[in-house]
PDB file of N, CA and C in Angstrom:
ATOM      1  N   MET A   1     102.465  80.467 190.787  1.00  0.00           N
ATOM      2  CA  MET A   1     102.494  79.128 190.224  1.00  0.00           C
ATOM      3  C   MET A   1     101.130  78.836 189.605  1.00  0.00           C
ATOM      4  N   PRO A   2     101.100  78.207 188.403  1.00  0.00           N
ATOM      5  CA  PRO A   2      99.822  77.924 187.756  1.00  0.00           C
ATOM      6  C   PRO A   2      99.033  76.871 188.506  1.00  0.00           C
ATOM      7  N   LYS A   3      97.714  76.914 188.293  1.00  0.00           N
ATOM      8  CA  LYS A   3      96.853  75.912 188.913  1.00  0.00           C
ATOM      9  C   LYS A   3      97.216  74.528 188.390  1.00  0.00           C
ATOM     10  N   THR A   4      97.269  73.557 189.280  1.00  0.00           N
ATOM     11  CA  THR A   4      97.650  72.210 188.870  1.00  0.00           C
ATOM     12  C   THR A   4      96.643  71.176 189.327  1.00  0.00           C
ATOM     13  N   GLU A   5      95.403  71.590 189.547  1.00  0.00           N
ATOM     14  CA  GLU A   5      94.419  70.648 190.066  1.00  0.00           C
ATOM     15  C   GLU A   5      94.108  69.516 189.093  1.00  0.00           C
ATOM     16  N   ASN A   6      94.304  69.722 187.775  1.00  0.00           N
ATOM     17  CA  ASN A   6      94.041  68.681 186.792  1.00  0.00           C
ATOM     18  C   ASN A   6      95.324  68.005 186.321  1.00  0.00           C
ATOM     19  N   VAL A   7      96.398  68.209 187.045  1.00  0.00           N
ATOM     20  CA  VAL A   7      97.697  67.711 186.629  1.00  0.00           C
ATOM     21  C   VAL A   7      98.215  66.747 187.681  1.00  0.00           C
ATOM     22  N   SER A   8      98.843  65.675 187.225  1.00  0.00           N
ATOM     23  CA  SER A   8      99.404  64.720 188.179  1.00  0.00           C
ATOM     24  C   SER A   8     100.520  65.389 188.969  1.00  0.00           C
ATOM     25  N   PRO A   9     100.813  64.920 190.183  1.00  0.00           N
ATOM     26  CA  PRO A   9     101.887  65.526 190.979  1.00  0.00           C
ATOM     27  C   PRO A   9     103.237  65.488 190.264  1.00  0.00           C
ATOM     28  N   ILE A  10     103.505  64.420 189.535  1.00  0.00           N
ATOM     29  CA  ILE A  10     104.779  64.330 188.817  1.00  0.00           C
ATOM     30  C   ILE A  10     104.842  65.377 187.726  1.00  0.00           C
ATOM     31  N   ALA A  11     103.759  65.502 186.945  1.00  0.00           N
ATOM     32  CA  ALA A  11     103.735  66.498 185.879  1.00  0.00           C
ATOM     33  C   ALA A  11     103.819  67.904 186.453  1.00  0.00           C
ATOM     34  N   ALA A  12     103.130  68.148 187.559  1.00  0.00           N
ATOM     35  CA  ALA A  12     103.150  69.478 188.171  1.00  0.00           C
ATOM     36  C   ALA A  12     104.547  69.825 188.658  1.00  0.00           C
ATOM     37  N   SER A  13     105.240  68.878 189.264  1.00  0.00           N
ATOM     38  CA  SER A  13     106.564  69.177 189.795  1.00  0.00           C
ATOM     39  C   SER A  13     107.603  69.310 188.689  1.00  0.00           C
ATOM     40  N   SER A  14     107.351  68.687 187.527  1.00  0.00           N
ATOM     41  CA  SER A  14     108.322  68.751 186.439  1.00  0.00           C
ATOM     42  C   SER A  14     108.105  69.961 185.538  1.00  0.00           C
ATOM     43  N   GLY A  15     106.986  70.650 185.707  1.00  0.00           N
ATOM     44  CA  GLY A  15     106.703  71.811 184.875  1.00  0.00           C
ATOM     45  C   GLY A  15     105.910  71.466 183.632  1.00  0.00           C
ATOM     46  N   TYR A  16     105.642  70.197 183.399  1.00  0.00           N
ATOM     47  CA  TYR A  16     104.858  69.782 182.242  1.00  0.00           C
ATOM     48  C   TYR A  16     103.429  69.515 182.674  1.00  0.00           C
ATOM     49  N   GLU A  17     102.481  69.937 181.848  1.00  0.00           N
ATOM     50  CA  GLU A  17     101.081  69.709 182.161  1.00  0.00           C
ATOM     51  C   GLU A  17     100.478  68.770 181.135  1.00  0.00           C
ATOM     52  N   GLN A  18      99.448  68.082 181.541  1.00  0.00           N
ATOM     53  CA  GLN A  18      98.757  67.163 180.645  1.00  0.00           C
ATOM     54  C   GLN A  18      97.764  67.941 179.794  1.00  0.00           C
ATOM     55  N   ALA A  19      97.267  67.294 178.748  1.00  0.00           N
ATOM     56  CA  ALA A  19      96.274  67.925 177.880  1.00  0.00           C
ATOM     57  C   ALA A  19      95.046  68.319 178.694  1.00  0.00           C
ATOM     58  N   ALA A  20      94.372  69.367 178.255  1.00  0.00           N
ATOM     59  CA  ALA A  20      93.200  69.875 178.969  1.00  0.00           C
ATOM     60  C   ALA A  20      92.121  68.811 179.030  1.00  0.00           C
ATOM     61  N   GLY A  21      91.618  68.558 180.224  1.00  0.00           N
ATOM     62  CA  GLY A  21      90.550  67.585 180.414  1.00  0.00           C
ATOM     63  C   GLY A  21      89.186  68.222 180.250  1.00  0.00           C
ATOM     64  N   ALA A  22      88.152  67.418 180.383  1.00  0.00           N
ATOM     65  CA  ALA A  22      86.785  67.895 180.207  1.00  0.00           C
ATOM     66  C   ALA A  22      86.418  68.955 181.236  1.00  0.00           C
ATOM     67  N   ASP A  23      87.044  68.895 182.421  1.00  0.00           N
ATOM     68  CA  ASP A  23      86.711  69.854 183.473  1.00  0.00           C
ATOM     69  C   ASP A  23      87.663  71.049 183.505  1.00  0.00           C
ATOM     70  N   ALA A  24      88.476  71.215 182.468  1.00  0.00           N
ATOM     71  CA  ALA A  24      89.427  72.333 182.419  1.00  0.00           C
ATOM     72  C   ALA A  24      88.688  73.639 182.132  1.00  0.00           C
ATOM     73  N   ALA A  25      89.308  74.744 182.521  1.00  0.00           N
ATOM     74  CA  ALA A  25      88.733  76.070 182.269  1.00  0.00           C
ATOM     75  C   ALA A  25      88.654  76.318 180.767  1.00  0.00           C
ATOM     76  N   PRO A  26      87.686  77.137 180.321  1.00  0.00           N
ATOM     77  CA  PRO A  26      87.542  77.421 178.886  1.00  0.00           C
ATOM     78  C   PRO A  26      88.833  77.960 178.254  1.00  0.00           C
ATOM     79  N   GLU A  27      89.573  78.782 179.002  1.00  0.00           N
ATOM     80  CA  GLU A  27      90.819  79.337 178.473  1.00  0.00           C
ATOM     81  C   GLU A  27      91.838  78.237 178.215  1.00  0.00           C
ATOM     82  N   VAL A  28      91.875  77.262 179.111  1.00  0.00           N
ATOM     83  CA  VAL A  28      92.811  76.145 178.961  1.00  0.00           C
ATOM     84  C   VAL A  28      92.416  75.312 177.750  1.00  0.00           C
ATOM     85  N   LYS A  29      91.116  75.090 177.577  1.00  0.00           N
ATOM     86  CA  LYS A  29      90.641  74.322 176.430  1.00  0.00           C
ATOM     87  C   LYS A  29      90.972  75.038 175.115  1.00  0.00           C
ATOM     88  N   GLU A  30      90.848  76.371 175.123  1.00  0.00           N
ATOM     89  CA  GLU A  30      91.152  77.141 173.918  1.00  0.00           C
ATOM     90  C   GLU A  30      92.627  77.024 173.567  1.00  0.00           C
ATOM     91  N   VAL A  31      93.489  77.161 174.566  1.00  0.00           N
ATOM     92  CA  VAL A  31      94.929  77.039 174.335  1.00  0.00           C
ATOM     93  C   VAL A  31      95.252  75.634 173.831  1.00  0.00           C
ATOM     94  N   GLN A  32      94.635  74.614 174.440  1.00  0.00           N
ATOM     95  CA  GLN A  32      94.880  73.237 174.024  1.00  0.00           C
ATOM     96  C   GLN A  32      94.411  73.009 172.593  1.00  0.00           C
ATOM     97  N   ALA A  33      93.262  73.572 172.226  1.00  0.00           N
ATOM     98  CA  ALA A  33      92.746  73.419 170.864  1.00  0.00           C
ATOM     99  C   ALA A  33      93.693  74.066 169.855  1.00  0.00           C
ATOM    100  N   ASN A  34      94.210  75.254 170.189  1.00  0.00           N
ATOM    101  CA  ASN A  34      95.168  75.924 169.305  1.00  0.00           C
ATOM    102  C   ASN A  34      96.443  75.109 169.153  1.00  0.00           C
ATOM    103  N   LYS A  35      96.932  74.554 170.252  1.00  0.00           N
ATOM    104  CA  LYS A  35      98.153  73.734 170.213  1.00  0.00           C
ATOM    105  C   LYS A  35      97.908  72.468 169.399  1.00  0.00           C
ATOM    106  N   ASP A  36      96.746  71.844 169.574  1.00  0.00           N
ATOM    107  CA  ASP A  36      96.424  70.635 168.812  1.00  0.00           C
ATOM    108  C   ASP A  36      96.365  70.937 167.317  1.00  0.00           C
ATOM    109  N   ALA A  37      95.799  72.098 166.957  1.00  0.00           N
ATOM    110  CA  ALA A  37      95.729  72.491 165.547  1.00  0.00           C
ATOM    111  C   ALA A  37      97.123  72.700 164.971  1.00  0.00           C
ATOM    112  N   GLU A  38      98.002  73.346 165.731  1.00  0.00           N
ATOM    113  CA  GLU A  38      99.385  73.541 165.280  1.00  0.00           C
ATOM    114  C   GLU A  38     100.083  72.198 165.102  1.00  0.00           C
ATOM    115  N   ASP A  39      99.883  71.294 166.048  1.00  0.00           N
ATOM    116  CA  ASP A  39     100.513  69.978 165.957  1.00  0.00           C
ATOM    117  C   ASP A  39     100.024  69.219 164.719  1.00  0.00           C
ATOM    118  N   ALA A  40      98.725  69.302 164.447  1.00  0.00           N
ATOM    119  CA  ALA A  40      98.164  68.610 163.288  1.00  0.00           C
ATOM    120  C   ALA A  40      98.689  69.209 161.983  1.00  0.00           C
ATOM    121  N   LYS A  41      98.842  70.535 161.970  1.00  0.00           N
ATOM    122  CA  LYS A  41      99.317  71.232 160.782  1.00  0.00           C
ATOM    123  C   LYS A  41     100.806  70.978 160.562  1.00  0.00           C
ATOM    124  N   GLY A  42     101.564  70.874 161.647  1.00  0.00           N
ATOM    125  CA  GLY A  42     102.992  70.594 161.536  1.00  0.00           C
ATOM    126  C   GLY A  42     103.884  71.815 161.565  1.00  0.00           C
ATOM    127  N   TYR A  43     103.307  72.980 161.699  1.00  0.00           N
ATOM    128  CA  TYR A  43     104.090  74.213 161.773  1.00  0.00           C
ATOM    129  C   TYR A  43     103.228  75.301 162.386  1.00  0.00           C
ATOM    130  N   VAL A  44     103.881  76.410 162.760  1.00  0.00           N
ATOM    131  CA  VAL A  44     103.179  77.551 163.332  1.00  0.00           C
ATOM    132  C   VAL A  44     103.279  78.701 162.329  1.00  0.00           C
ATOM    133  N   GLY A  45     102.174  79.383 162.095  1.00  0.00           N
ATOM    134  CA  GLY A  45     102.208  80.549 161.219  1.00  0.00           C
ATOM    135  C   GLY A  45     101.821  80.215 159.790  1.00  0.00           C
ATOM    136  N   THR A  46     102.496  80.858 158.839  1.00  0.00           N
ATOM    137  CA  THR A  46     102.167  80.654 157.428  1.00  0.00           C
ATOM    138  C   THR A  46     102.882  79.424 156.891  1.00  0.00           C
ATOM    139  N   VAL A  47     102.369  78.934 155.792  1.00  0.00           N
ATOM    140  CA  VAL A  47     102.969  77.773 155.137  1.00  0.00           C
ATOM    141  C   VAL A  47     104.399  78.136 154.740  1.00  0.00           C
ATOM    142  N   PRO A  48     105.386  77.352 155.168  1.00  0.00           N
ATOM    143  CA  PRO A  48     106.761  77.683 154.823  1.00  0.00           C
ATOM    144  C   PRO A  48     107.062  77.502 153.343  1.00  0.00           C
ATOM    145  N   ASP A  49     106.338  76.626 152.673  1.00  0.00           N
ATOM    146  CA  ASP A  49     106.549  76.378 151.253  1.00  0.00           C
ATOM    147  C   ASP A  49     105.212  75.944 150.668  1.00  0.00           C
ATOM    148  N   PRO A  50     104.635  76.738 149.774  1.00  0.00           N
ATOM    149  CA  PRO A  50     103.308  76.410 149.246  1.00  0.00           C
ATOM    150  C   PRO A  50     103.296  75.254 148.258  1.00  0.00           C
ATOM    151  N   THR A  51     104.459  74.729 147.898  1.00  0.00           N
ATOM    152  CA  THR A  51     104.547  73.640 146.935  1.00  0.00           C
ATOM    153  C   THR A  51     103.984  72.353 147.532  1.00  0.00           C
ATOM    154  N   PRO A  52     103.099  71.650 146.831  1.00  0.00           N
ATOM    155  CA  PRO A  52     102.583  70.382 147.352  1.00  0.00           C
ATOM    156  C   PRO A  52     103.722  69.392 147.603  1.00  0.00           C
ATOM    157  N   ASN A  53     103.607  68.619 148.654  1.00  0.00           N
ATOM    158  CA  ASN A  53     104.645  67.646 148.998  1.00  0.00           C
ATOM    159  C   ASN A  53     104.902  66.657 147.868  1.00  0.00           C
ATOM    160  N   GLU A  54     103.847  66.316 147.116  1.00  0.00           N
ATOM    161  CA  GLU A  54     103.999  65.357 146.016  1.00  0.00           C
ATOM    162  C   GLU A  54     105.065  65.808 145.017  1.00  0.00           C
ATOM    163  N   ASN A  55     105.215  67.108 144.831  1.00  0.00           N
ATOM    164  CA  ASN A  55     106.181  67.619 143.866  1.00  0.00           C
ATOM    165  C   ASN A  55     107.616  67.255 144.241  1.00  0.00           C
ATOM    166  N   TYR A  56     107.859  66.973 145.513  1.00  0.00           N
ATOM    167  CA  TYR A  56     109.205  66.639 145.972  1.00  0.00           C
ATOM    168  C   TYR A  56     109.479  65.139 145.968  1.00  0.00           C
ATOM    169  N   THR A  57     108.463  64.325 145.652  1.00  0.00           N
ATOM    170  CA  THR A  57     108.654  62.873 145.642  1.00  0.00           C
ATOM    171  C   THR A  57     109.283  62.447 144.328  1.00  0.00           C
ATOM    172  N   VAL A  58     109.773  61.213 144.283  1.00  0.00           N
ATOM    173  CA  VAL A  58     110.328  60.677 143.043  1.00  0.00           C
ATOM    174  C   VAL A  58     109.274  60.709 141.946  1.00  0.00           C
ATOM    175  N   ALA A  59     108.042  60.309 142.279  1.00  0.00           N
ATOM    176  CA  ALA A  59     106.970  60.323 141.281  1.00  0.00           C
ATOM    177  C   ALA A  59     106.732  61.739 140.757  1.00  0.00           C
ATOM    178  N   GLY A  60     106.763  62.720 141.637  1.00  0.00           N
ATOM    179  CA  GLY A  60     106.561  64.104 141.227  1.00  0.00           C
ATOM    180  C   GLY A  60     107.679  64.609 140.337  1.00  0.00           C
ATOM    181  N   VAL A  61     108.883  64.249 140.673  1.00  0.00           N
ATOM    182  CA  VAL A  61     110.033  64.664 139.859  1.00  0.00           C
ATOM    183  C   VAL A  61     109.960  64.019 138.480  1.00  0.00           C
ATOM    184  N   VAL A  62     109.614  62.722 138.433  1.00  0.00           N
ATOM    185  CA  VAL A  62     109.506  62.017 137.153  1.00  0.00           C
ATOM    186  C   VAL A  62     108.411  62.637 136.285  1.00  0.00           C
ATOM    187  N   LYS A  63     107.316  63.080 136.927  1.00  0.00           N
ATOM    188  CA  LYS A  63     106.228  63.740 136.184  1.00  0.00           C
ATOM    189  C   LYS A  63     106.604  65.156 135.760  1.00  0.00           C
ATOM    190  N   GLY A  64     107.679  65.691 136.312  1.00  0.00           N
ATOM    191  CA  GLY A  64     108.084  67.055 135.984  1.00  0.00           C
ATOM    192  C   GLY A  64     107.337  68.113 136.758  1.00  0.00           C
ATOM    193  N   LEU A  65     106.772  67.731 137.916  1.00  0.00           N
ATOM    194  CA  LEU A  65     106.057  68.712 138.737  1.00  0.00           C
ATOM    195  C   LEU A  65     107.037  69.772 139.246  1.00  0.00           C
ATOM    196  N   PRO A  66     106.629  71.036 139.238  1.00  0.00           N
ATOM    197  CA  PRO A  66     107.549  72.116 139.600  1.00  0.00           C
ATOM    198  C   PRO A  66     107.808  72.205 141.108  1.00  0.00           C
ATOM    199  N   THR A  67     108.990  72.656 141.435  1.00  0.00           N
ATOM    200  CA  THR A  67     109.372  73.001 142.809  1.00  0.00           C
ATOM    201  C   THR A  67     110.037  74.372 142.748  1.00  0.00           C
ATOM    202  N   PRO A  68     110.179  75.057 143.879  1.00  0.00           N
ATOM    203  CA  PRO A  68     110.847  76.363 143.845  1.00  0.00           C
ATOM    204  C   PRO A  68     112.281  76.271 143.310  1.00  0.00           C
ATOM    205  N   GLU A  69     112.878  75.098 143.419  1.00  0.00           N
ATOM    206  CA  GLU A  69     114.252  74.929 142.939  1.00  0.00           C
ATOM    207  C   GLU A  69     114.316  74.789 141.417  1.00  0.00           C
ATOM    208  N   THR A  70     113.185  74.412 140.788  1.00  0.00           N
ATOM    209  CA  THR A  70     113.187  74.177 139.339  1.00  0.00           C
ATOM    210  C   THR A  70     112.336  75.166 138.557  1.00  0.00           C
ATOM    211  N   ASP A  71     111.554  75.996 139.238  1.00  0.00           N
ATOM    212  CA  ASP A  71     110.632  76.907 138.567  1.00  0.00           C
ATOM    213  C   ASP A  71     110.776  78.304 139.170  1.00  0.00           C
ATOM    214  N   PRO A  72     111.294  79.255 138.391  1.00  0.00           N
ATOM    215  CA  PRO A  72     111.495  80.609 138.932  1.00  0.00           C
ATOM    216  C   PRO A  72     110.220  81.263 139.463  1.00  0.00           C
ATOM    217  N   GLY A  73     109.085  81.051 138.793  1.00  0.00           N
ATOM    218  CA  GLY A  73     107.816  81.627 139.260  1.00  0.00           C
ATOM    219  C   GLY A  73     107.401  81.059 140.600  1.00  0.00           C
ATOM    220  N   LEU A  74     107.564  79.766 140.775  1.00  0.00           N
ATOM    221  CA  LEU A  74     107.232  79.128 142.040  1.00  0.00           C
ATOM    222  C   LEU A  74     108.215  79.566 143.132  1.00  0.00           C
ATOM    223  N   ALA A  75     109.454  79.798 142.756  1.00  0.00           N
ATOM    224  CA  ALA A  75     110.447  80.291 143.726  1.00  0.00           C
ATOM    225  C   ALA A  75     110.037  81.667 144.241  1.00  0.00           C
ATOM    226  N   ASP A  76     109.562  82.542 143.344  1.00  0.00           N
ATOM    227  CA  ASP A  76     109.101  83.869 143.766  1.00  0.00           C
ATOM    228  C   ASP A  76     107.894  83.762 144.697  1.00  0.00           C
ATOM    229  N   GLU A  77     106.958  82.853 144.356  1.00  0.00           N
ATOM    230  CA  GLU A  77     105.783  82.662 145.207  1.00  0.00           C
ATOM    231  C   GLU A  77     106.201  82.161 146.593  1.00  0.00           C
ATOM    232  N   ALA A  78     107.136  81.206 146.643  1.00  0.00           N
ATOM    233  CA  ALA A  78     107.610  80.678 147.929  1.00  0.00           C
ATOM    234  C   ALA A  78     108.263  81.788 148.747  1.00  0.00           C
ATOM    235  N   ARG A  79     109.025  82.666 148.093  1.00  0.00           N
ATOM    236  CA  ARG A  79     109.661  83.785 148.810  1.00  0.00           C
ATOM    237  C   ARG A  79     108.609  84.735 149.391  1.00  0.00           C
ATOM    238  N   ARG A  80     107.573  85.030 148.608  1.00  0.00           N
ATOM    239  CA  ARG A  80     106.511  85.926 149.087  1.00  0.00           C
ATOM    240  C   ARG A  80     105.768  85.311 150.272  1.00  0.00           C
ATOM    241  N   VAL A  81     105.482  84.020 150.192  1.00  0.00           N
ATOM    242  CA  VAL A  81     104.789  83.344 151.307  1.00  0.00           C
ATOM    243  C   VAL A  81     105.673  83.368 152.537  1.00  0.00           C
ATOM    244  N   ARG A  82     106.937  83.041 152.372  1.00  0.00           N
ATOM    245  CA  ARG A  82     107.859  83.021 153.494  1.00  0.00           C
ATOM    246  C   ARG A  82     107.986  84.409 154.134  1.00  0.00           C
ATOM    247  N   ALA A  83     107.935  85.436 153.317  1.00  0.00           N
ATOM    248  CA  ALA A  83     108.053  86.812 153.818  1.00  0.00           C
ATOM    249  C   ALA A  83     106.737  87.308 154.399  1.00  0.00           C
ATOM    250  N   GLY A  84     105.676  86.509 154.285  1.00  0.00           N
ATOM    251  CA  GLY A  84     104.380  86.907 154.822  1.00  0.00           C
ATOM    252  C   GLY A  84     103.612  87.854 153.947  1.00  0.00           C
ATOM    253  N   MET A  85     103.997  87.932 152.681  1.00  0.00           N
ATOM    254  CA  MET A  85     103.344  88.862 151.771  1.00  0.00           C
ATOM    255  C   MET A  85     102.027  88.310 151.220  1.00  0.00           C
ATOM    256  N   VAL A  86     101.838  86.999 151.292  1.00  0.00           N
ATOM    257  CA  VAL A  86     100.583  86.368 150.870  1.00  0.00           C
ATOM    258  C   VAL A  86     100.212  85.346 151.926  1.00  0.00           C
ATOM    259  N   GLY A  87      98.928  85.017 152.007  1.00  0.00           N
ATOM    260  CA  GLY A  87      98.470  84.041 152.994  1.00  0.00           C
ATOM    261  C   GLY A  87      98.886  82.638 152.636  1.00  0.00           C
ATOM    262  N   GLY A  88      99.001  81.807 153.672  1.00  0.00           N
ATOM    263  CA  GLY A  88      99.396  80.438 153.421  1.00  0.00           C
ATOM    264  C   GLY A  88      98.436  79.466 154.003  1.00  0.00           C
TER     265      GLY A  88
END
């Protein structure tokens, strides 16, 4: 069973742990920092679609900004990113 000295009894018994506190082990802080970065980014791994979000808005569509659905070159780039062939 994992150490639960920094976890409330309810959280420990439910299997959920709280965010790493100031007195947490360095490994716990590292894992928490990685999880926080993933949460802030909104996904894990490479960018699922390199197209800027603005291109999908009404304003972007009215401006004619490309999306993978409207631009074959951008569609190829999105496929390569999704396949992990280029960094995201």
